[in-house]
Amino acid sequence: LAGAMQILLGLVKAGTIANYFPSAVIEGMLAAIG
């Protein structure tokens, strides 16, 4: 069911939320994972 919900999220264009992550936070996440 979670997979079906994700397909629905993709169809309603919910993926654009990724554009609102600040660059410094993404860089920090990568460094933290390292």
PDB file of all heavy atoms in Angstrom:
ATOM      1  N   LEU A   1       0.826  -1.215   0.000  1.00  0.00           N
ATOM      2  CA  LEU A   1       0.000   0.000   0.000  1.00  0.00           C
ATOM      3  C   LEU A   1       0.859   1.264   0.000  1.00  0.00           C
ATOM      4  O   LEU A   1       0.517   2.263  -0.641  1.00  0.00           O
ATOM      5  CB  LEU A   1      -0.928  -0.007   1.220  1.00  0.00           C
ATOM      6  CG  LEU A   1      -2.019  -1.088   1.232  1.00  0.00           C
ATOM      7  CD1 LEU A   1      -2.742  -1.100   2.572  1.00  0.00           C
ATOM      8  CD2 LEU A   1      -3.007  -0.872   0.089  1.00  0.00           C
ATOM      9  N   ALA A   2       1.993   1.223   0.726  1.00  0.00           N
ATOM     10  CA  ALA A   2       2.910   2.370   0.742  1.00  0.00           C
ATOM     11  C   ALA A   2       3.436   2.642  -0.659  1.00  0.00           C
ATOM     12  O   ALA A   2       3.552   3.806  -1.086  1.00  0.00           O
ATOM     13  CB  ALA A   2       4.061   2.111   1.708  1.00  0.00           C
ATOM     14  N   GLY A   3       3.741   1.577  -1.394  1.00  0.00           N
ATOM     15  CA  GLY A   3       4.204   1.736  -2.767  1.00  0.00           C
ATOM     16  C   GLY A   3       3.150   2.385  -3.648  1.00  0.00           C
ATOM     17  O   GLY A   3       3.442   3.271  -4.459  1.00  0.00           O
ATOM     18  N   ALA A   4       1.892   1.967  -3.472  1.00  0.00           N
ATOM     19  CA  ALA A   4       0.798   2.569  -4.240  1.00  0.00           C
ATOM     20  C   ALA A   4       0.656   4.052  -3.907  1.00  0.00           C
ATOM     21  O   ALA A   4       0.402   4.883  -4.795  1.00  0.00           O
ATOM     22  CB  ALA A   4      -0.503   1.822  -3.945  1.00  0.00           C
ATOM     23  N   MET A   5       0.830   4.396  -2.626  1.00  0.00           N
ATOM     24  CA  MET A   5       0.762   5.811  -2.214  1.00  0.00           C
ATOM     25  C   MET A   5       1.891   6.626  -2.846  1.00  0.00           C
ATOM     26  O   MET A   5       1.689   7.775  -3.256  1.00  0.00           O
ATOM     27  CB  MET A   5       0.832   5.916  -0.689  1.00  0.00           C
ATOM     28  CG  MET A   5      -0.378   5.377   0.036  1.00  0.00           C
ATOM     29  SD  MET A   5      -0.156   5.440   1.844  1.00  0.00           S
ATOM     30  CE  MET A   5      -1.645   4.595   2.392  1.00  0.00           C
ATOM     31  N   GLN A   6       3.080   6.031  -2.940  1.00  0.00           N
ATOM     32  CA  GLN A   6       4.205   6.742  -3.555  1.00  0.00           C
ATOM     33  C   GLN A   6       3.958   6.994  -5.036  1.00  0.00           C
ATOM     34  O   GLN A   6       4.318   8.053  -5.560  1.00  0.00           O
ATOM     35  CB  GLN A   6       5.493   5.931  -3.367  1.00  0.00           C
ATOM     36  CG  GLN A   6       6.055   5.989  -1.956  1.00  0.00           C
ATOM     37  CD  GLN A   6       7.384   5.275  -1.856  1.00  0.00           C
ATOM     38  OE1 GLN A   6       7.456   4.043  -1.939  1.00  0.00           O
ATOM     39  NE2 GLN A   6       8.449   6.036  -1.688  1.00  0.00           N
ATOM     40  N   ILE A   7       3.357   6.013  -5.707  1.00  0.00           N
ATOM     41  CA  ILE A   7       3.016   6.212  -7.120  1.00  0.00           C
ATOM     42  C   ILE A   7       2.057   7.388  -7.256  1.00  0.00           C
ATOM     43  O   ILE A   7       2.209   8.246  -8.138  1.00  0.00           O
ATOM     44  CB  ILE A   7       2.394   4.926  -7.706  1.00  0.00           C
ATOM     45  CG1 ILE A   7       3.445   3.805  -7.767  1.00  0.00           C
ATOM     46  CG2 ILE A   7       1.833   5.186  -9.101  1.00  0.00           C
ATOM     47  CD1 ILE A   7       2.894   2.459  -8.200  1.00  0.00           C
ATOM     48  N   LEU A   8       1.073   7.445  -6.364  1.00  0.00           N
ATOM     49  CA  LEU A   8       0.114   8.554  -6.376  1.00  0.00           C
ATOM     50  C   LEU A   8       0.817   9.888  -6.125  1.00  0.00           C
ATOM     51  O   LEU A   8       0.525  10.891  -6.795  1.00  0.00           O
ATOM     52  CB  LEU A   8      -0.967   8.316  -5.320  1.00  0.00           C
ATOM     53  CG  LEU A   8      -2.094   9.358  -5.245  1.00  0.00           C
ATOM     54  CD1 LEU A   8      -2.852   9.416  -6.566  1.00  0.00           C
ATOM     55  CD2 LEU A   8      -3.044   9.034  -4.100  1.00  0.00           C
ATOM     56  N   LEU A   9       1.771   9.909  -5.180  1.00  0.00           N
ATOM     57  CA  LEU A   9       2.527  11.136  -4.904  1.00  0.00           C
ATOM     58  C   LEU A   9       3.291  11.596  -6.144  1.00  0.00           C
ATOM     59  O   LEU A   9       3.374  12.799  -6.428  1.00  0.00           O
ATOM     60  CB  LEU A   9       3.500  10.909  -3.737  1.00  0.00           C
ATOM     61  CG  LEU A   9       2.889  10.792  -2.343  1.00  0.00           C
ATOM     62  CD1 LEU A   9       3.951  10.382  -1.327  1.00  0.00           C
ATOM     63  CD2 LEU A   9       2.258  12.118  -1.919  1.00  0.00           C
ATOM     64  N   GLY A  10       3.846  10.649  -6.867  1.00  0.00           N
ATOM     65  CA  GLY A  10       4.567  10.994  -8.089  1.00  0.00           C
ATOM     66  C   GLY A  10       3.637  11.543  -9.152  1.00  0.00           C
ATOM     67  O   GLY A  10       3.983  12.503  -9.860  1.00  0.00           O
ATOM     68  N   LEU A  11       2.443  10.959  -9.266  1.00  0.00           N
ATOM     69  CA  LEU A  11       1.484  11.402 -10.278  1.00  0.00           C
ATOM     70  C   LEU A  11       0.957  12.806  -9.995  1.00  0.00           C
ATOM     71  O   LEU A  11       0.629  13.556 -10.926  1.00  0.00           O
ATOM     72  CB  LEU A  11       0.320  10.410 -10.368  1.00  0.00           C
ATOM     73  CG  LEU A  11       0.668   9.018 -10.929  1.00  0.00           C
ATOM     74  CD1 LEU A  11      -0.528   8.092 -10.844  1.00  0.00           C
ATOM     75  CD2 LEU A  11       1.169   9.117 -12.367  1.00  0.00           C
ATOM     76  N   VAL A  12       0.863  13.180  -8.709  1.00  0.00           N
ATOM     77  CA  VAL A  12       0.380  14.532  -8.373  1.00  0.00           C
ATOM     78  C   VAL A  12       1.535  15.527  -8.242  1.00  0.00           C
ATOM     79  O   VAL A  12       1.365  16.628  -7.733  1.00  0.00           O
ATOM     80  CB  VAL A  12      -0.457  14.512  -7.076  1.00  0.00           C
ATOM     81  CG1 VAL A  12      -1.668  13.615  -7.228  1.00  0.00           C
ATOM     82  CG2 VAL A  12       0.367  14.082  -5.857  1.00  0.00           C
ATOM     83  N   LYS A  13       2.731  15.117  -8.700  1.00  0.00           N
ATOM     84  CA  LYS A  13       3.909  16.008  -8.762  1.00  0.00           C
ATOM     85  C   LYS A  13       4.405  16.447  -7.394  1.00  0.00           C
ATOM     86  O   LYS A  13       4.880  17.581  -7.222  1.00  0.00           O
ATOM     87  CB  LYS A  13       3.611  17.254  -9.614  1.00  0.00           C
ATOM     88  CG  LYS A  13       2.946  16.969 -10.950  1.00  0.00           C
ATOM     89  CD  LYS A  13       3.824  16.166 -11.869  1.00  0.00           C
ATOM     90  CE  LYS A  13       3.170  15.979 -13.235  1.00  0.00           C
ATOM     91  NZ  LYS A  13       3.953  15.084 -14.117  1.00  0.00           N
ATOM     92  N   ALA A  14       4.338  15.566  -6.411  1.00  0.00           N
ATOM     93  CA  ALA A  14       4.802  15.919  -5.064  1.00  0.00           C
ATOM     94  C   ALA A  14       6.326  15.948  -4.962  1.00  0.00           C
ATOM     95  O   ALA A  14       6.867  16.422  -3.971  1.00  0.00           O
ATOM     96  CB  ALA A  14       4.236  14.936  -4.032  1.00  0.00           C
ATOM     97  N   GLY A  15       7.012  15.453  -5.982  1.00  0.00           N
ATOM     98  CA  GLY A  15       8.476  15.408  -5.943  1.00  0.00           C
ATOM     99  C   GLY A  15       9.138  16.765  -5.973  1.00  0.00           C
ATOM    100  O   GLY A  15      10.331  16.882  -5.680  1.00  0.00           O
ATOM    101  N   THR A  16       8.392  17.810  -6.314  1.00  0.00           N
ATOM    102  CA  THR A  16       8.989  19.153  -6.374  1.00  0.00           C
ATOM    103  C   THR A  16       9.439  19.661  -5.009  1.00  0.00           C
ATOM    104  O   THR A  16      10.168  20.646  -4.937  1.00  0.00           O
ATOM    105  CB  THR A  16       7.984  20.161  -6.969  1.00  0.00           C
ATOM    106  OG1 THR A  16       6.760  20.072  -6.228  1.00  0.00           O
ATOM    107  CG2 THR A  16       7.704  19.856  -8.429  1.00  0.00           C
ATOM    108  N   ILE A  17       9.011  18.991  -3.933  1.00  0.00           N
ATOM    109  CA  ILE A  17       9.449  19.413  -2.601  1.00  0.00           C
ATOM    110  C   ILE A  17      10.967  19.356  -2.476  1.00  0.00           C
ATOM    111  O   ILE A  17      11.571  20.072  -1.671  1.00  0.00           O
ATOM    112  CB  ILE A  17       8.784  18.545  -1.511  1.00  0.00           C
ATOM    113  CG1 ILE A  17       9.007  19.149  -0.122  1.00  0.00           C
ATOM    114  CG2 ILE A  17       9.312  17.113  -1.559  1.00  0.00           C
ATOM    115  CD1 ILE A  17       8.277  18.410   0.986  1.00  0.00           C
ATOM    116  N   ALA A  18      11.602  18.516  -3.296  1.00  0.00           N
ATOM    117  CA  ALA A  18      13.067  18.381  -3.244  1.00  0.00           C
ATOM    118  C   ALA A  18      13.769  19.693  -3.590  1.00  0.00           C
ATOM    119  O   ALA A  18      14.906  19.926  -3.175  1.00  0.00           O
ATOM    120  CB  ALA A  18      13.529  17.285  -4.197  1.00  0.00           C
ATOM    121  N   ASN A  19      13.095  20.564  -4.352  1.00  0.00           N
ATOM    122  CA  ASN A  19      13.720  21.823  -4.757  1.00  0.00           C
ATOM    123  C   ASN A  19      13.849  22.816  -3.613  1.00  0.00           C
ATOM    124  O   ASN A  19      14.479  23.862  -3.764  1.00  0.00           O
ATOM    125  CB  ASN A  19      12.902  22.463  -5.882  1.00  0.00           C
ATOM    126  CG  ASN A  19      12.868  21.601  -7.126  1.00  0.00           C
ATOM    127  OD1 ASN A  19      13.843  20.936  -7.444  1.00  0.00           O
ATOM    128  ND2 ASN A  19      11.748  21.601  -7.819  1.00  0.00           N
ATOM    129  N   TYR A  20      13.240  22.510  -2.465  1.00  0.00           N
ATOM    130  CA  TYR A  20      13.235  23.460  -1.352  1.00  0.00           C
ATOM    131  C   TYR A  20      14.230  23.097  -0.255  1.00  0.00           C
ATOM    132  O   TYR A  20      14.218  23.702   0.799  1.00  0.00           O
ATOM    133  CB  TYR A  20      11.816  23.565  -0.776  1.00  0.00           C
ATOM    134  CG  TYR A  20      10.835  24.103  -1.780  1.00  0.00           C
ATOM    135  CD1 TYR A  20      10.028  23.251  -2.509  1.00  0.00           C
ATOM    136  CD2 TYR A  20      10.730  25.467  -2.018  1.00  0.00           C
ATOM    137  CE1 TYR A  20       9.136  23.730  -3.454  1.00  0.00           C
ATOM    138  CE2 TYR A  20       9.837  25.965  -2.963  1.00  0.00           C
ATOM    139  CZ  TYR A  20       9.044  25.087  -3.671  1.00  0.00           C
ATOM    140  OH  TYR A  20       8.168  25.565  -4.600  1.00  0.00           O
ATOM    141  N   PHE A  21      15.098  22.113  -0.505  1.00  0.00           N
ATOM    142  CA  PHE A  21      16.132  21.772   0.470  1.00  0.00           C
ATOM    143  C   PHE A  21      17.341  22.681   0.248  1.00  0.00           C
ATOM    144  O   PHE A  21      17.916  22.686  -0.838  1.00  0.00           O
ATOM    145  CB  PHE A  21      16.575  20.309   0.325  1.00  0.00           C
ATOM    146  CG  PHE A  21      15.492  19.315   0.658  1.00  0.00           C
ATOM    147  CD1 PHE A  21      15.089  18.374  -0.272  1.00  0.00           C
ATOM    148  CD2 PHE A  21      14.896  19.315   1.902  1.00  0.00           C
ATOM    149  CE1 PHE A  21      14.093  17.455   0.025  1.00  0.00           C
ATOM    150  CE2 PHE A  21      13.901  18.404   2.210  1.00  0.00           C
ATOM    151  CZ  PHE A  21      13.497  17.469   1.272  1.00  0.00           C
ATOM    152  N   PRO A  22      17.761  23.469   1.258  1.00  0.00           N
ATOM    153  CA  PRO A  22      18.934  24.340   1.088  1.00  0.00           C
ATOM    154  C   PRO A  22      20.194  23.540   0.776  1.00  0.00           C
ATOM    155  O   PRO A  22      20.394  22.430   1.298  1.00  0.00           O
ATOM    156  CB  PRO A  22      19.052  25.029   2.461  1.00  0.00           C
ATOM    157  CG  PRO A  22      17.697  24.929   3.063  1.00  0.00           C
ATOM    158  CD  PRO A  22      17.124  23.632   2.575  1.00  0.00           C
ATOM    159  N   SER A  23      21.041  24.104  -0.048  1.00  0.00           N
ATOM    160  CA  SER A  23      22.269  23.429  -0.473  1.00  0.00           C
ATOM    161  C   SER A  23      23.165  23.068   0.709  1.00  0.00           C
ATOM    162  O   SER A  23      23.741  21.987   0.759  1.00  0.00           O
ATOM    163  CB  SER A  23      23.033  24.333  -1.449  1.00  0.00           C
ATOM    164  OG  SER A  23      24.255  23.762  -1.799  1.00  0.00           O
ATOM    165  N   ALA A  24      23.283  23.982   1.683  1.00  0.00           N
ATOM    166  CA  ALA A  24      24.167  23.729   2.837  1.00  0.00           C
ATOM    167  C   ALA A  24      23.686  22.527   3.641  1.00  0.00           C
ATOM    168  O   ALA A  24      24.494  21.775   4.190  1.00  0.00           O
ATOM    169  CB  ALA A  24      24.217  24.972   3.731  1.00  0.00           C
ATOM    170  N   VAL A  25      22.374  22.332   3.697  1.00  0.00           N
ATOM    171  CA  VAL A  25      21.819  21.196   4.447  1.00  0.00           C
ATOM    172  C   VAL A  25      22.132  19.884   3.727  1.00  0.00           C
ATOM    173  O   VAL A  25      22.484  18.883   4.362  1.00  0.00           O
ATOM    174  CB  VAL A  25      20.296  21.374   4.637  1.00  0.00           C
ATOM    175  CG1 VAL A  25      19.680  20.135   5.273  1.00  0.00           C
ATOM    176  CG2 VAL A  25      20.020  22.607   5.491  1.00  0.00           C
ATOM    177  N   ILE A  26      22.005  19.883   2.399  1.00  0.00           N
ATOM    178  CA  ILE A  26      22.324  18.671   1.635  1.00  0.00           C
ATOM    179  C   ILE A  26      23.801  18.321   1.777  1.00  0.00           C
ATOM    180  O   ILE A  26      24.172  17.158   1.969  1.00  0.00           O
ATOM    181  CB  ILE A  26      21.967  18.871   0.144  1.00  0.00           C
ATOM    182  CG1 ILE A  26      20.468  19.141  -0.010  1.00  0.00           C
ATOM    183  CG2 ILE A  26      22.365  17.640  -0.659  1.00  0.00           C
ATOM    184  CD1 ILE A  26      19.575  18.040   0.488  1.00  0.00           C
ATOM    185  N   GLU A  27      24.674  19.348   1.687  1.00  0.00           N
ATOM    186  CA  GLU A  27      26.110  19.111   1.868  1.00  0.00           C
ATOM    187  C   GLU A  27      26.390  18.561   3.269  1.00  0.00           C
ATOM    188  O   GLU A  27      27.210  17.660   3.455  1.00  0.00           O
ATOM    189  CB  GLU A  27      26.890  20.413   1.648  1.00  0.00           C
ATOM    190  CG  GLU A  27      26.806  20.980   0.243  1.00  0.00           C
ATOM    191  CD  GLU A  27      27.730  20.269  -0.732  1.00  0.00           C
ATOM    192  OE1 GLU A  27      28.295  19.219  -0.359  1.00  0.00           O
ATOM    193  OE2 GLU A  27      27.862  20.754  -1.861  1.00  0.00           O
ATOM    194  N   GLY A  28      25.694  19.117   4.281  1.00  0.00           N
ATOM    195  CA  GLY A  28      25.869  18.634   5.643  1.00  0.00           C
ATOM    196  C   GLY A  28      25.399  17.203   5.809  1.00  0.00           C
ATOM    197  O   GLY A  28      26.026  16.406   6.515  1.00  0.00           O
ATOM    198  N   MET A  29      24.298  16.852   5.156  1.00  0.00           N
ATOM    199  CA  MET A  29      23.802  15.480   5.218  1.00  0.00           C
ATOM    200  C   MET A  29      24.819  14.506   4.627  1.00  0.00           C
ATOM    201  O   MET A  29      25.097  13.445   5.197  1.00  0.00           O
ATOM    202  CB  MET A  29      22.486  15.367   4.456  1.00  0.00           C
ATOM    203  CG  MET A  29      21.858  13.981   4.503  1.00  0.00           C
ATOM    204  SD  MET A  29      20.488  13.796   3.346  1.00  0.00           S
ATOM    205  CE  MET A  29      21.372  13.629   1.794  1.00  0.00           C
ATOM    206  N   LEU A  30      25.395  14.873   3.478  1.00  0.00           N
ATOM    207  CA  LEU A  30      26.406  14.019   2.850  1.00  0.00           C
ATOM    208  C   LEU A  30      27.620  13.827   3.758  1.00  0.00           C
ATOM    209  O   LEU A  30      28.130  12.711   3.929  1.00  0.00           O
ATOM    210  CB  LEU A  30      26.849  14.619   1.513  1.00  0.00           C
ATOM    211  CG  LEU A  30      25.874  14.463   0.346  1.00  0.00           C
ATOM    212  CD1 LEU A  30      26.307  15.334  -0.819  1.00  0.00           C
ATOM    213  CD2 LEU A  30      25.809  13.002  -0.082  1.00  0.00           C
ATOM    214  N   ALA A  31      28.097  14.938   4.331  1.00  0.00           N
ATOM    215  CA  ALA A  31      29.256  14.855   5.219  1.00  0.00           C
ATOM    216  C   ALA A  31      28.940  14.015   6.451  1.00  0.00           C
ATOM    217  O   ALA A  31      29.770  13.219   6.916  1.00  0.00           O
ATOM    218  CB  ALA A  31      29.707  16.254   5.639  1.00  0.00           C
ATOM    219  N   ALA A  32      27.735  14.163   7.000  1.00  0.00           N
ATOM    220  CA  ALA A  32      27.329  13.381   8.171  1.00  0.00           C
ATOM    221  C   ALA A  32      27.283  11.903   7.842  1.00  0.00           C
ATOM    222  O   ALA A  32      27.727  11.057   8.640  1.00  0.00           O
ATOM    223  CB  ALA A  32      25.960  13.850   8.668  1.00  0.00           C
ATOM    224  N   ILE A  33      26.746  11.557   6.660  1.00  0.00           N
ATOM    225  CA  ILE A  33      26.717  10.152   6.236  1.00  0.00           C
ATOM    226  C   ILE A  33      28.144   9.606   6.147  1.00  0.00           C
ATOM    227  O   ILE A  33      28.426   8.469   6.548  1.00  0.00           O
ATOM    228  CB  ILE A  33      26.009  10.015   4.880  1.00  0.00           C
ATOM    229  CG1 ILE A  33      24.521  10.329   5.023  1.00  0.00           C
ATOM    230  CG2 ILE A  33      26.200   8.623   4.304  1.00  0.00           C
ATOM    231  CD1 ILE A  33      23.737   9.327   5.838  1.00  0.00           C
ATOM    232  N   GLY A  34      29.063  10.433   5.636  1.00  0.00           N
ATOM    233  CA  GLY A  34      30.464  10.007   5.553  1.00  0.00           C
ATOM    234  C   GLY A  34      31.070   9.740   6.921  1.00  0.00           C
ATOM    235  O   GLY A  34      31.749   8.727   7.138  1.00  0.00           O
TER     236      GLY A  34
END
